[in-house]
């Protein structure tokens, strides 16, 4: 490893990318063992290209800092990767928009996605379910904003053969469903 490249411990923690990789190195969530291999991130910035890497091995994640060969190489700008590490975008969307390039084993991209945070405004499913729990009489509790939107939406659609919320199941292959 090049001595000019700072290790995770030497990188300033005000750097969101270094903080992201430091968290992964310290407390990486388990990854399904089917993901096996190494991923190198080449992040282009004003000061050149930084190299960060992850090794997926039997459900564990290990970090490396070098430009060594890897099974999958992800190239992008430092700015875009900062957004990904803070949940302000998705890695698949960036790939489809040609904002990142990937060479090698694309299945490792799914393992990377598991490690990236969700959007800052996302709600944990358990907390969301608790805030929308059912009352004893079976009527769902709604937040006041949700209730006022539902009331201001106007009358519900008349119940037809499919019911007020649309068809209960997708149409059979021989049927044609027109909304």
N, C-alpha and C. Protein backbone atom coordinates (compact mmCIF):
# COMPACT_ATOMS: atom_id res chain seq x y z
N UNK A 1 0.84 -1.17 0.00
CA UNK A 1 0.00 0.00 0.00
C UNK A 1 0.88 1.23 0.00
N UNK A 2 0.50 2.23 -0.76
CA UNK A 2 1.25 3.47 -0.89
C UNK A 2 1.16 4.25 0.42
N UNK A 3 2.30 4.74 0.92
CA UNK A 3 2.29 5.46 2.19
C UNK A 3 1.64 6.83 2.06
N UNK A 4 1.51 7.36 0.82
CA UNK A 4 0.85 8.66 0.63
C UNK A 4 -0.66 8.55 0.76
N UNK A 5 -1.20 7.35 0.64
CA UNK A 5 -2.65 7.16 0.75
C UNK A 5 -2.99 6.97 2.22
N UNK A 6 -3.85 7.85 2.78
CA UNK A 6 -4.18 7.71 4.20
C UNK A 6 -5.03 6.47 4.45
N UNK A 7 -4.81 5.85 5.59
CA UNK A 7 -5.64 4.72 5.99
C UNK A 7 -6.94 5.27 6.55
N UNK A 8 -7.86 4.38 6.90
CA UNK A 8 -9.14 4.83 7.46
C UNK A 8 -8.90 5.61 8.75
N UNK A 9 -7.96 5.13 9.57
CA UNK A 9 -7.70 5.80 10.84
C UNK A 9 -7.10 7.20 10.64
N UNK A 10 -6.32 7.38 9.55
CA UNK A 10 -5.67 8.66 9.30
C UNK A 10 -6.58 9.65 8.59
N UNK A 11 -7.61 9.18 7.91
CA UNK A 11 -8.50 10.06 7.16
C UNK A 11 -9.34 10.89 8.12
N UNK A 12 -9.54 12.17 7.81
CA UNK A 12 -10.34 13.00 8.71
C UNK A 12 -11.79 12.52 8.74
N UNK A 13 -12.39 12.49 9.93
CA UNK A 13 -13.76 12.01 10.05
C UNK A 13 -14.78 13.04 9.59
N UNK A 14 -14.32 14.24 9.22
CA UNK A 14 -15.25 15.20 8.62
C UNK A 14 -15.53 14.81 7.18
N UNK A 15 -14.74 13.92 6.64
CA UNK A 15 -14.93 13.42 5.29
C UNK A 15 -16.03 12.35 5.32
N UNK A 16 -17.17 12.59 4.65
CA UNK A 16 -18.27 11.63 4.72
C UNK A 16 -17.94 10.26 4.14
N UNK A 17 -17.07 10.21 3.15
CA UNK A 17 -16.70 8.92 2.56
C UNK A 17 -15.84 8.14 3.54
N UNK A 18 -14.87 8.80 4.16
CA UNK A 18 -14.03 8.13 5.16
C UNK A 18 -14.87 7.67 6.34
N UNK A 19 -15.83 8.49 6.76
CA UNK A 19 -16.71 8.12 7.87
C UNK A 19 -17.56 6.90 7.50
N UNK A 20 -18.06 6.87 6.27
CA UNK A 20 -18.86 5.73 5.81
C UNK A 20 -18.04 4.44 5.86
N UNK A 21 -16.84 4.48 5.30
CA UNK A 21 -16.01 3.28 5.29
C UNK A 21 -15.53 2.91 6.69
N UNK A 22 -15.30 3.90 7.56
CA UNK A 22 -14.89 3.61 8.94
C UNK A 22 -16.02 2.88 9.67
N UNK A 23 -17.28 3.32 9.46
CA UNK A 23 -18.42 2.64 10.07
C UNK A 23 -18.52 1.20 9.56
N UNK A 24 -18.32 1.01 8.26
CA UNK A 24 -18.38 -0.34 7.71
C UNK A 24 -17.28 -1.22 8.29
N UNK A 25 -16.10 -0.65 8.43
CA UNK A 25 -14.97 -1.41 8.96
C UNK A 25 -15.21 -1.80 10.41
N UNK A 26 -15.85 -0.91 11.17
CA UNK A 26 -16.09 -1.17 12.59
C UNK A 26 -17.30 -2.06 12.83
N UNK A 27 -18.39 -1.78 12.16
CA UNK A 27 -19.65 -2.49 12.44
C UNK A 27 -20.41 -2.79 11.15
N UNK A 28 -19.80 -3.49 10.26
CA UNK A 28 -20.47 -3.81 8.99
C UNK A 28 -21.63 -4.76 9.24
N UNK A 29 -22.78 -4.46 8.65
CA UNK A 29 -23.90 -5.40 8.79
C UNK A 29 -23.59 -6.68 8.02
N UNK A 30 -24.18 -7.78 8.45
CA UNK A 30 -23.91 -9.02 7.72
C UNK A 30 -24.47 -8.96 6.31
N UNK A 31 -23.75 -9.55 5.40
CA UNK A 31 -24.14 -9.61 4.00
C UNK A 31 -24.34 -11.09 3.69
N UNK A 32 -25.36 -11.45 2.91
CA UNK A 32 -25.56 -12.87 2.60
C UNK A 32 -24.27 -13.50 2.05
N UNK A 33 -23.97 -14.71 2.51
CA UNK A 33 -22.71 -15.35 2.11
C UNK A 33 -22.59 -15.63 0.62
N UNK A 34 -23.68 -15.53 -0.13
CA UNK A 34 -23.58 -15.77 -1.58
C UNK A 34 -22.75 -14.70 -2.28
N UNK A 35 -22.59 -13.54 -1.63
CA UNK A 35 -21.76 -12.48 -2.21
C UNK A 35 -20.33 -12.71 -1.76
N UNK A 36 -19.49 -13.02 -2.71
CA UNK A 36 -18.10 -13.34 -2.40
C UNK A 36 -17.21 -12.68 -3.44
N UNK A 37 -16.28 -11.87 -2.98
CA UNK A 37 -15.36 -11.22 -3.90
C UNK A 37 -14.95 -9.85 -3.39
N UNK A 38 -14.24 -9.12 -4.23
CA UNK A 38 -13.75 -7.81 -3.83
C UNK A 38 -14.28 -6.73 -4.77
N UNK A 39 -14.48 -5.56 -4.20
CA UNK A 39 -14.96 -4.40 -4.95
C UNK A 39 -14.00 -3.25 -4.68
N UNK A 40 -13.56 -2.59 -5.74
CA UNK A 40 -12.73 -1.40 -5.58
C UNK A 40 -13.51 -0.21 -6.09
N UNK A 41 -13.48 0.87 -5.32
CA UNK A 41 -14.12 2.12 -5.71
C UNK A 41 -13.03 3.10 -6.13
N UNK A 42 -13.08 3.58 -7.36
CA UNK A 42 -12.17 4.61 -7.85
C UNK A 42 -12.96 5.91 -7.88
N UNK A 43 -12.65 6.79 -6.93
CA UNK A 43 -13.41 8.03 -6.76
C UNK A 43 -12.59 9.21 -7.24
N UNK A 44 -13.00 9.80 -8.36
CA UNK A 44 -12.27 10.92 -8.96
C UNK A 44 -12.68 12.22 -8.29
N UNK A 45 -11.68 12.98 -7.87
CA UNK A 45 -11.92 14.28 -7.26
C UNK A 45 -10.91 15.30 -7.74
N UNK A 46 -10.94 16.48 -7.15
CA UNK A 46 -10.03 17.55 -7.54
C UNK A 46 -8.57 17.19 -7.26
N UNK A 47 -8.34 16.39 -6.22
CA UNK A 47 -6.98 16.03 -5.82
C UNK A 47 -6.52 14.70 -6.41
N UNK A 48 -7.20 14.21 -7.42
CA UNK A 48 -6.83 12.93 -8.01
C UNK A 48 -7.88 11.87 -7.71
N UNK A 49 -7.48 10.63 -7.84
CA UNK A 49 -8.40 9.51 -7.64
C UNK A 49 -8.08 8.78 -6.35
N UNK A 50 -9.10 8.62 -5.51
CA UNK A 50 -8.98 7.85 -4.27
C UNK A 50 -9.42 6.43 -4.55
N UNK A 51 -8.80 5.48 -3.86
CA UNK A 51 -9.16 4.08 -4.01
C UNK A 51 -9.59 3.53 -2.66
N UNK A 52 -10.81 3.01 -2.61
CA UNK A 52 -11.34 2.34 -1.44
C UNK A 52 -11.79 0.96 -1.89
N UNK A 53 -11.74 -0.01 -1.02
CA UNK A 53 -12.18 -1.34 -1.43
C UNK A 53 -12.84 -2.11 -0.31
N UNK A 54 -13.70 -3.03 -0.72
CA UNK A 54 -14.38 -3.92 0.22
C UNK A 54 -14.18 -5.36 -0.25
N UNK A 55 -14.01 -6.24 0.71
CA UNK A 55 -13.91 -7.67 0.42
C UNK A 55 -15.09 -8.34 1.12
N UNK A 56 -15.89 -9.05 0.34
CA UNK A 56 -17.02 -9.81 0.87
C UNK A 56 -16.59 -11.26 0.97
N UNK A 57 -16.64 -11.80 2.20
CA UNK A 57 -16.16 -13.16 2.43
C UNK A 57 -17.01 -13.82 3.51
N UNK A 58 -17.80 -14.81 3.12
CA UNK A 58 -18.63 -15.58 4.06
C UNK A 58 -19.50 -14.69 4.94
N UNK A 59 -20.14 -13.70 4.36
CA UNK A 59 -21.05 -12.84 5.11
C UNK A 59 -20.38 -11.69 5.84
N UNK A 60 -19.08 -11.63 5.78
CA UNK A 60 -18.35 -10.54 6.44
C UNK A 60 -17.84 -9.54 5.42
N UNK A 61 -17.58 -8.33 5.89
CA UNK A 61 -17.08 -7.27 5.02
C UNK A 61 -15.77 -6.76 5.61
N UNK A 62 -14.73 -6.70 4.78
CA UNK A 62 -13.46 -6.14 5.20
C UNK A 62 -13.09 -5.00 4.27
N UNK A 63 -12.34 -4.06 4.77
CA UNK A 63 -11.98 -2.85 4.04
C UNK A 63 -10.52 -2.90 3.61
N UNK A 64 -10.23 -2.33 2.44
CA UNK A 64 -8.83 -2.12 2.05
C UNK A 64 -8.73 -0.77 1.34
N UNK A 65 -7.52 -0.19 1.36
CA UNK A 65 -7.25 1.10 0.70
C UNK A 65 -6.09 0.92 -0.25
N UNK A 66 -6.36 0.56 -1.47
CA UNK A 66 -5.31 0.50 -2.49
C UNK A 66 -5.97 0.35 -3.85
N UNK A 67 -5.14 0.40 -4.88
CA UNK A 67 -5.66 0.23 -6.23
C UNK A 67 -5.41 -1.20 -6.74
N UNK A 68 -5.40 -2.15 -5.81
CA UNK A 68 -5.18 -3.55 -6.19
C UNK A 68 -6.32 -4.04 -7.08
N UNK A 69 -6.05 -5.11 -7.81
CA UNK A 69 -7.07 -5.71 -8.66
C UNK A 69 -8.26 -6.14 -7.81
N UNK A 70 -9.46 -6.07 -8.40
CA UNK A 70 -10.67 -6.47 -7.69
C UNK A 70 -11.61 -7.17 -8.67
N UNK A 71 -12.54 -7.93 -8.11
CA UNK A 71 -13.53 -8.64 -8.94
C UNK A 71 -14.51 -7.67 -9.58
N UNK A 72 -14.72 -6.53 -8.94
CA UNK A 72 -15.64 -5.51 -9.45
C UNK A 72 -15.01 -4.15 -9.18
N UNK A 73 -15.00 -3.30 -10.20
CA UNK A 73 -14.45 -1.95 -10.05
C UNK A 73 -15.55 -0.95 -10.36
N UNK A 74 -15.80 -0.07 -9.39
CA UNK A 74 -16.82 0.97 -9.54
C UNK A 74 -16.10 2.30 -9.67
N UNK A 75 -16.34 3.01 -10.78
CA UNK A 75 -15.71 4.31 -11.00
C UNK A 75 -16.78 5.39 -11.03
N UNK A 76 -16.53 6.44 -10.25
CA UNK A 76 -17.47 7.57 -10.21
C UNK A 76 -16.76 8.78 -9.64
N UNK A 77 -17.48 9.87 -9.56
CA UNK A 77 -16.92 11.07 -8.94
C UNK A 77 -17.05 10.95 -7.43
N UNK A 78 -16.16 11.63 -6.77
CA UNK A 78 -16.21 11.66 -5.31
C UNK A 78 -17.52 12.28 -4.83
N UNK A 79 -17.95 13.32 -5.52
CA UNK A 79 -19.17 14.03 -5.16
C UNK A 79 -20.39 13.10 -5.24
N UNK A 80 -20.50 12.33 -6.30
CA UNK A 80 -21.63 11.42 -6.43
C UNK A 80 -21.59 10.34 -5.35
N UNK A 81 -20.40 9.82 -5.06
CA UNK A 81 -20.30 8.77 -4.04
C UNK A 81 -20.64 9.32 -2.66
N UNK A 82 -20.31 10.57 -2.38
CA UNK A 82 -20.73 11.19 -1.12
C UNK A 82 -22.24 11.17 -1.01
N UNK A 83 -22.92 11.48 -2.10
CA UNK A 83 -24.38 11.43 -2.11
C UNK A 83 -24.90 10.03 -1.85
N UNK A 84 -24.27 9.02 -2.45
CA UNK A 84 -24.70 7.64 -2.23
C UNK A 84 -24.51 7.23 -0.78
N UNK A 85 -23.40 7.65 -0.16
CA UNK A 85 -23.14 7.26 1.23
C UNK A 85 -24.00 8.01 2.23
N UNK A 86 -24.69 9.06 1.78
CA UNK A 86 -25.61 9.76 2.68
C UNK A 86 -27.07 9.49 2.32
N UNK A 87 -27.31 8.55 1.42
CA UNK A 87 -28.67 8.17 1.07
C UNK A 87 -29.36 9.08 0.08
N UNK A 88 -28.61 9.94 -0.57
CA UNK A 88 -29.21 10.90 -1.50
C UNK A 88 -29.15 10.41 -2.94
N UNK A 89 -29.48 9.18 -3.13
CA UNK A 89 -29.49 8.61 -4.47
C UNK A 89 -29.27 7.12 -4.38
N UNK A 90 -29.54 6.45 -5.46
CA UNK A 90 -29.39 5.01 -5.49
C UNK A 90 -28.30 4.60 -6.45
N UNK A 91 -27.63 3.52 -6.12
CA UNK A 91 -26.52 3.07 -6.95
C UNK A 91 -27.00 2.55 -8.30
N UNK A 92 -28.17 1.91 -8.33
CA UNK A 92 -28.70 1.43 -9.61
C UNK A 92 -29.12 2.60 -10.49
N UNK A 93 -29.75 3.60 -9.89
CA UNK A 93 -30.15 4.78 -10.67
C UNK A 93 -28.92 5.47 -11.24
N UNK A 94 -27.86 5.57 -10.46
CA UNK A 94 -26.62 6.19 -10.94
C UNK A 94 -26.02 5.38 -12.09
N UNK A 95 -26.11 4.07 -12.00
CA UNK A 95 -25.60 3.21 -13.07
C UNK A 95 -26.41 3.41 -14.35
N UNK A 96 -27.73 3.44 -14.21
CA UNK A 96 -28.59 3.62 -15.39
C UNK A 96 -28.43 5.00 -16.02
N UNK A 97 -28.08 5.98 -15.21
CA UNK A 97 -27.87 7.35 -15.72
C UNK A 97 -26.44 7.56 -16.21
N UNK A 98 -25.65 6.51 -16.18
CA UNK A 98 -24.26 6.59 -16.62
C UNK A 98 -23.42 7.52 -15.75
N UNK A 99 -23.78 7.64 -14.48
CA UNK A 99 -23.02 8.47 -13.54
C UNK A 99 -21.92 7.65 -12.86
N UNK A 100 -22.06 6.33 -12.92
CA UNK A 100 -20.99 5.44 -12.45
C UNK A 100 -20.75 4.41 -13.54
N UNK A 101 -19.55 3.87 -13.55
CA UNK A 101 -19.28 2.75 -14.45
C UNK A 101 -18.83 1.57 -13.59
N UNK A 102 -19.21 0.40 -14.02
CA UNK A 102 -18.90 -0.81 -13.27
C UNK A 102 -18.28 -1.81 -14.22
N UNK A 103 -17.16 -2.37 -13.81
CA UNK A 103 -16.49 -3.42 -14.57
C UNK A 103 -16.37 -4.64 -13.68
N UNK A 104 -16.61 -5.79 -14.26
CA UNK A 104 -16.43 -7.03 -13.51
C UNK A 104 -17.74 -7.62 -13.05
N UNK A 105 -17.73 -8.20 -11.86
CA UNK A 105 -18.86 -8.94 -11.32
C UNK A 105 -19.97 -8.00 -10.85
N UNK A 106 -21.00 -7.87 -11.67
CA UNK A 106 -22.10 -6.95 -11.34
C UNK A 106 -22.95 -7.42 -10.17
N UNK A 107 -22.90 -8.70 -9.83
CA UNK A 107 -23.70 -9.17 -8.69
C UNK A 107 -23.23 -8.53 -7.38
N UNK A 108 -21.97 -8.13 -7.33
CA UNK A 108 -21.46 -7.48 -6.12
C UNK A 108 -22.07 -6.10 -5.92
N UNK A 109 -22.66 -5.53 -6.97
CA UNK A 109 -23.33 -4.24 -6.84
C UNK A 109 -24.51 -4.36 -5.87
N UNK A 110 -25.17 -5.51 -5.86
CA UNK A 110 -26.28 -5.72 -4.92
C UNK A 110 -25.77 -5.75 -3.49
N UNK A 111 -24.62 -6.35 -3.26
CA UNK A 111 -24.04 -6.37 -1.92
C UNK A 111 -23.69 -4.95 -1.48
N UNK A 112 -23.18 -4.15 -2.40
CA UNK A 112 -22.86 -2.75 -2.08
C UNK A 112 -24.13 -2.01 -1.71
N UNK A 113 -25.18 -2.23 -2.48
CA UNK A 113 -26.46 -1.55 -2.23
C UNK A 113 -26.96 -1.85 -0.82
N UNK A 114 -26.74 -3.06 -0.33
CA UNK A 114 -27.17 -3.43 1.02
C UNK A 114 -26.46 -2.62 2.09
N UNK A 115 -25.27 -2.15 1.78
CA UNK A 115 -24.47 -1.41 2.76
C UNK A 115 -24.74 0.09 2.73
N UNK A 116 -25.31 0.57 1.65
CA UNK A 116 -25.58 2.01 1.52
C UNK A 116 -26.85 2.37 2.29
N UNK A 117 -26.88 3.54 2.91
CA UNK A 117 -28.08 3.93 3.66
C UNK A 117 -29.22 4.30 2.73
N UNK A 118 -30.42 4.25 3.26
CA UNK A 118 -31.60 4.68 2.51
C UNK A 118 -31.71 6.20 2.55
N UNK A 119 -32.75 6.74 1.93
CA UNK A 119 -32.93 8.19 1.93
C UNK A 119 -33.08 8.73 3.35
N UNK A 120 -32.61 9.95 3.59
CA UNK A 120 -32.71 10.53 4.94
C UNK A 120 -34.15 10.62 5.43
N UNK A 121 -35.11 10.76 4.53
CA UNK A 121 -36.51 10.90 4.94
C UNK A 121 -37.21 9.55 5.06
N UNK A 122 -36.50 8.46 4.84
CA UNK A 122 -37.13 7.13 4.89
C UNK A 122 -37.49 6.78 6.33
N UNK A 123 -38.52 5.99 6.46
CA UNK A 123 -38.97 5.53 7.77
C UNK A 123 -38.66 4.04 7.91
N UNK A 124 -38.26 3.66 9.11
CA UNK A 124 -38.04 2.25 9.36
C UNK A 124 -39.40 1.55 9.33
N UNK A 125 -39.52 0.39 8.68
CA UNK A 125 -40.83 -0.25 8.55
C UNK A 125 -41.51 -0.56 9.88
N UNK A 126 -40.74 -0.94 10.90
CA UNK A 126 -41.35 -1.25 12.19
C UNK A 126 -41.94 0.02 12.81
N UNK A 127 -41.19 1.11 12.76
CA UNK A 127 -41.70 2.37 13.31
C UNK A 127 -42.92 2.85 12.55
N UNK A 128 -42.91 2.70 11.22
CA UNK A 128 -44.06 3.11 10.43
C UNK A 128 -45.28 2.27 10.82
N UNK A 129 -45.09 0.97 10.99
CA UNK A 129 -46.21 0.10 11.36
C UNK A 129 -46.75 0.47 12.73
N UNK A 130 -45.87 0.82 13.66
CA UNK A 130 -46.35 1.24 14.99
C UNK A 130 -47.15 2.53 14.90
N UNK A 131 -46.74 3.45 14.06
CA UNK A 131 -47.46 4.71 13.96
C UNK A 131 -48.77 4.56 13.20
N UNK A 132 -48.96 3.46 12.51
CA UNK A 132 -50.19 3.20 11.76
C UNK A 132 -50.89 1.94 12.26
N UNK A 133 -50.73 1.65 13.55
CA UNK A 133 -51.29 0.41 14.09
C UNK A 133 -52.82 0.43 14.03
N UNK A 134 -53.40 -0.72 14.13
CA UNK A 134 -54.85 -0.83 14.07
C UNK A 134 -55.45 -0.59 15.44
N UNK A 135 -56.60 0.07 15.45
CA UNK A 135 -57.36 0.22 16.69
C UNK A 135 -58.05 -1.10 16.99
N UNK A 136 -58.61 -1.19 18.16
CA UNK A 136 -59.30 -2.43 18.54
C UNK A 136 -60.48 -2.72 17.63
N UNK A 137 -61.13 -1.67 17.11
CA UNK A 137 -62.30 -1.90 16.26
C UNK A 137 -61.90 -2.21 14.82
N UNK A 138 -60.60 -2.23 14.53
CA UNK A 138 -60.14 -2.61 13.20
C UNK A 138 -59.88 -1.45 12.27
N UNK A 139 -60.26 -0.24 12.66
CA UNK A 139 -60.03 0.92 11.80
C UNK A 139 -58.59 1.38 11.97
N UNK A 140 -57.93 1.62 10.89
CA UNK A 140 -56.52 2.04 10.94
C UNK A 140 -56.43 3.46 11.47
N UNK A 141 -55.49 3.67 12.38
CA UNK A 141 -55.22 5.03 12.85
C UNK A 141 -54.38 5.71 11.79
N UNK A 142 -54.69 6.97 11.56
CA UNK A 142 -53.90 7.72 10.59
C UNK A 142 -53.39 8.98 11.26
N UNK A 143 -52.27 9.42 10.75
CA UNK A 143 -51.77 10.70 11.23
C UNK A 143 -52.73 11.78 10.78
N UNK A 144 -52.84 12.90 11.50
CA UNK A 144 -53.79 13.95 11.12
C UNK A 144 -53.64 14.41 9.68
N UNK A 145 -52.41 14.54 9.19
CA UNK A 145 -52.21 14.99 7.82
C UNK A 145 -52.78 13.98 6.83
N UNK A 146 -52.61 12.71 7.13
CA UNK A 146 -53.14 11.67 6.25
C UNK A 146 -54.66 11.68 6.27
N UNK A 147 -55.25 11.87 7.45
CA UNK A 147 -56.71 11.86 7.54
C UNK A 147 -57.29 13.04 6.78
N UNK A 148 -56.70 14.22 6.90
CA UNK A 148 -57.25 15.38 6.21
C UNK A 148 -57.12 15.24 4.70
N UNK A 149 -56.05 14.62 4.22
CA UNK A 149 -55.91 14.40 2.79
C UNK A 149 -56.97 13.43 2.28
N UNK A 150 -57.24 12.39 3.06
CA UNK A 150 -58.23 11.41 2.64
C UNK A 150 -59.62 12.04 2.60
N UNK A 151 -59.91 12.93 3.57
CA UNK A 151 -61.23 13.57 3.61
C UNK A 151 -61.37 14.59 2.49
N UNK A 152 -60.29 15.26 2.12
CA UNK A 152 -60.38 16.29 1.09
C UNK A 152 -60.30 15.71 -0.32
N UNK A 153 -60.07 14.42 -0.43
CA UNK A 153 -59.94 13.80 -1.74
C UNK A 153 -61.28 13.65 -2.44
N UNK A 154 -62.36 13.88 -1.73
CA UNK A 154 -63.68 13.77 -2.34
C UNK A 154 -64.28 12.42 -2.09
N UNK A 155 -65.43 12.18 -2.69
CA UNK A 155 -66.11 10.91 -2.44
C UNK A 155 -65.33 9.74 -3.02
N UNK A 156 -65.49 8.62 -2.37
CA UNK A 156 -64.80 7.41 -2.84
C UNK A 156 -65.46 6.93 -4.12
N UNK A 157 -64.72 6.17 -4.88
CA UNK A 157 -65.29 5.60 -6.10
C UNK A 157 -66.41 4.65 -5.71
N UNK A 158 -67.44 4.58 -6.53
CA UNK A 158 -68.52 3.65 -6.20
C UNK A 158 -68.00 2.21 -6.25
N UNK A 159 -68.53 1.42 -5.34
CA UNK A 159 -68.12 0.03 -5.29
C UNK A 159 -68.75 -0.72 -6.44
N UNK A 160 -67.94 -1.35 -7.22
CA UNK A 160 -68.42 -2.16 -8.33
C UNK A 160 -68.02 -3.60 -8.10
N UNK A 161 -67.99 -4.39 -9.14
CA UNK A 161 -67.61 -5.79 -8.96
C UNK A 161 -66.21 -5.94 -8.40
N UNK A 162 -65.38 -4.95 -8.66
CA UNK A 162 -63.99 -5.04 -8.19
C UNK A 162 -63.84 -4.43 -6.81
N UNK A 163 -64.83 -3.72 -6.29
CA UNK A 163 -64.72 -3.08 -4.99
C UNK A 163 -64.22 -1.67 -5.13
N UNK A 164 -64.20 -0.89 -4.04
CA UNK A 164 -63.83 0.52 -4.12
C UNK A 164 -62.37 0.76 -4.41
N UNK A 165 -61.50 -0.18 -4.16
CA UNK A 165 -60.07 0.05 -4.33
C UNK A 165 -59.51 -0.59 -5.59
N UNK A 166 -60.35 -1.07 -6.47
CA UNK A 166 -59.85 -1.69 -7.68
C UNK A 166 -59.94 -3.19 -7.60
N UNK A 167 -59.41 -3.88 -8.59
CA UNK A 167 -59.52 -5.33 -8.61
C UNK A 167 -58.74 -5.96 -7.46
N UNK A 168 -59.28 -7.05 -6.93
CA UNK A 168 -58.64 -7.74 -5.83
C UNK A 168 -57.40 -8.49 -6.29
N UNK A 169 -57.39 -8.88 -7.54
CA UNK A 169 -56.24 -9.60 -8.07
C UNK A 169 -56.06 -9.20 -9.53
N UNK A 170 -54.90 -9.41 -10.09
CA UNK A 170 -54.70 -9.06 -11.49
C UNK A 170 -55.61 -9.89 -12.38
N UNK A 171 -55.96 -9.36 -13.53
CA UNK A 171 -56.85 -10.11 -14.41
C UNK A 171 -56.18 -11.38 -14.90
N UNK A 172 -57.01 -12.36 -15.20
CA UNK A 172 -56.49 -13.61 -15.74
C UNK A 172 -55.86 -13.33 -17.10
N UNK A 173 -55.06 -14.26 -17.57
CA UNK A 173 -54.33 -14.05 -18.82
C UNK A 173 -55.27 -13.85 -20.00
N UNK A 174 -56.47 -14.41 -19.94
CA UNK A 174 -57.41 -14.28 -21.05
C UNK A 174 -58.27 -13.04 -20.95
N UNK A 175 -58.31 -12.40 -19.78
CA UNK A 175 -59.12 -11.21 -19.59
C UNK A 175 -58.32 -9.97 -19.94
N UNK A 176 -59.02 -8.93 -20.28
CA UNK A 176 -58.37 -7.65 -20.52
C UNK A 176 -58.95 -6.67 -19.53
N UNK A 177 -58.10 -6.07 -18.72
CA UNK A 177 -58.57 -5.15 -17.69
C UNK A 177 -58.31 -3.73 -18.15
N UNK A 178 -59.35 -2.92 -18.15
CA UNK A 178 -59.22 -1.52 -18.54
C UNK A 178 -59.68 -0.68 -17.36
N UNK A 179 -58.83 0.19 -16.83
CA UNK A 179 -59.21 1.00 -15.66
C UNK A 179 -60.30 2.00 -15.98
